Amino acid sequence: MKKNTNYQLKIMMVFGKKKEKELIG
């Protein structure tokens, strides 16, 4: 369960970075 949460957090971070780039760019 802990690993799964860590995995989801990583995905959220990646998506957040992508969205940030889209908003800035």
PDB file of N, CA and C in Angstrom:
ATOM      1  N   MET A   1       0.855  -1.199   0.000  1.00  0.00           N
ATOM      2  CA  MET A   1       0.000   0.000   0.000  1.00  0.00           C
ATOM      3  C   MET A   1       0.892   1.251   0.000  1.00  0.00           C
ATOM      4  N   LYS A   2       1.937   1.211   0.801  1.00  0.00           N
ATOM      5  CA  LYS A   2       2.812   2.388   0.865  1.00  0.00           C
ATOM      6  C   LYS A   2       3.478   2.610  -0.498  1.00  0.00           C
ATOM      7  N   LYS A   3       3.906   1.504  -1.117  1.00  0.00           N
ATOM      8  CA  LYS A   3       4.558   1.619  -2.429  1.00  0.00           C
ATOM      9  C   LYS A   3       3.588   2.204  -3.452  1.00  0.00           C
ATOM     10  N   ASN A   4       2.347   1.741  -3.418  1.00  0.00           N
ATOM     11  CA  ASN A   4       1.345   2.228  -4.368  1.00  0.00           C
ATOM     12  C   ASN A   4       1.161   3.735  -4.219  1.00  0.00           C
ATOM     13  N   THR A   5       1.097   4.218  -2.978  1.00  0.00           N
ATOM     14  CA  THR A   5       0.903   5.659  -2.744  1.00  0.00           C
ATOM     15  C   THR A   5       2.094   6.419  -3.301  1.00  0.00           C
ATOM     16  N   ASN A   6       3.304   5.896  -3.061  1.00  0.00           N
ATOM     17  CA  ASN A   6       4.508   6.555  -3.556  1.00  0.00           C
ATOM     18  C   ASN A   6       4.443   6.637  -5.079  1.00  0.00           C
ATOM     19  N   TYR A   7       3.996   5.545  -5.712  1.00  0.00           N
ATOM     20  CA  TYR A   7       3.892   5.496  -7.173  1.00  0.00           C
ATOM     21  C   TYR A   7       2.926   6.569  -7.677  1.00  0.00           C
ATOM     22  N   GLN A   8       1.783   6.678  -7.003  1.00  0.00           N
ATOM     23  CA  GLN A   8       0.780   7.676  -7.423  1.00  0.00           C
ATOM     24  C   GLN A   8       1.334   9.081  -7.248  1.00  0.00           C
ATOM     25  N   LEU A   9       2.068   9.306  -6.147  1.00  0.00           N
ATOM     26  CA  LEU A   9       2.638  10.638  -5.896  1.00  0.00           C
ATOM     27  C   LEU A   9       3.597  10.993  -7.026  1.00  0.00           C
ATOM     28  N   LYS A  10       4.408  10.022  -7.446  1.00  0.00           N
ATOM     29  CA  LYS A  10       5.371  10.272  -8.530  1.00  0.00           C
ATOM     30  C   LYS A  10       4.624  10.659  -9.801  1.00  0.00           C
ATOM     31  N   ILE A  11       3.557   9.925 -10.112  1.00  0.00           N
ATOM     32  CA  ILE A  11       2.776  10.218 -11.325  1.00  0.00           C
ATOM     33  C   ILE A  11       2.189  11.623 -11.233  1.00  0.00           C
ATOM     34  N   MET A  12       1.651  11.965 -10.063  1.00  0.00           N
ATOM     35  CA  MET A  12       1.046  13.298  -9.886  1.00  0.00           C
ATOM     36  C   MET A  12       2.106  14.372 -10.114  1.00  0.00           C
ATOM     37  N   MET A  13       3.307  14.138  -9.610  1.00  0.00           N
ATOM     38  CA  MET A  13       4.387  15.113  -9.776  1.00  0.00           C
ATOM     39  C   MET A  13       4.718  15.279 -11.258  1.00  0.00           C
ATOM     40  N   VAL A  14       4.791  14.162 -11.978  1.00  0.00           N
ATOM     41  CA  VAL A  14       5.102  14.220 -13.415  1.00  0.00           C
ATOM     42  C   VAL A  14       4.014  14.993 -14.146  1.00  0.00           C
ATOM     43  N   PHE A  15       2.749  14.681 -13.838  1.00  0.00           N
ATOM     44  CA  PHE A  15       1.642  15.371 -14.506  1.00  0.00           C
ATOM     45  C   PHE A  15       1.653  16.850 -14.159  1.00  0.00           C
ATOM     46  N   GLY A  16       1.947  17.162 -12.902  1.00  0.00           N
ATOM     47  CA  GLY A  16       2.001  18.557 -12.454  1.00  0.00           C
ATOM     48  C   GLY A  16       3.069  19.318 -13.226  1.00  0.00           C
ATOM     49  N   LYS A  17       4.232  18.700 -13.400  1.00  0.00           N
ATOM     50  CA  LYS A  17       5.315  19.365 -14.135  1.00  0.00           C
ATOM     51  C   LYS A  17       4.883  19.599 -15.579  1.00  0.00           C
ATOM     52  N   LYS A  18       4.235  18.609 -16.171  1.00  0.00           N
ATOM     53  CA  LYS A  18       3.778  18.745 -17.565  1.00  0.00           C
ATOM     54  C   LYS A  18       2.780  19.894 -17.673  1.00  0.00           C
ATOM     55  N   LYS A  19       1.836  19.942 -16.751  1.00  0.00           N
ATOM     56  CA  LYS A  19       0.816  21.007 -16.789  1.00  0.00           C
ATOM     57  C   LYS A  19       1.486  22.361 -16.576  1.00  0.00           C
ATOM     58  N   GLU A  20       2.464  22.407 -15.668  1.00  0.00           N
ATOM     59  CA  GLU A  20       3.159  23.667 -15.395  1.00  0.00           C
ATOM     60  C   GLU A  20       3.822  24.163 -16.673  1.00  0.00           C
ATOM     61  N   LYS A  21       4.496  23.261 -17.370  1.00  0.00           N
ATOM     62  CA  LYS A  21       5.181  23.643 -18.614  1.00  0.00           C
ATOM     63  C   LYS A  21       4.159  24.158 -19.623  1.00  0.00           C
ATOM     64  N   GLU A  22       3.023  23.492 -19.708  1.00  0.00           N
ATOM     65  CA  GLU A  22       1.984  23.909 -20.667  1.00  0.00           C
ATOM     66  C   GLU A  22       1.482  25.306 -20.319  1.00  0.00           C
ATOM     67  N   LEU A  23       1.288  25.557 -19.016  1.00  0.00           N
ATOM     68  CA  LEU A  23       0.765  26.864 -18.595  1.00  0.00           C
ATOM     69  C   LEU A  23       1.798  27.956 -18.863  1.00  0.00           C
ATOM     70  N   ILE A  24       3.070  27.667 -18.550  1.00  0.00           N
ATOM     71  CA  ILE A  24       4.121  28.685 -18.747  1.00  0.00           C
ATOM     72  C   ILE A  24       4.382  28.863 -20.239  1.00  0.00           C
ATOM     73  N   GLY A  25       4.487  27.732 -20.951  1.00  0.00           N
ATOM     74  CA  GLY A  25       4.809  27.786 -22.382  1.00  0.00           C
ATOM     75  C   GLY A  25       3.599  28.236 -23.147  1.00  0.00           C
TER      76      GLY A  25
END
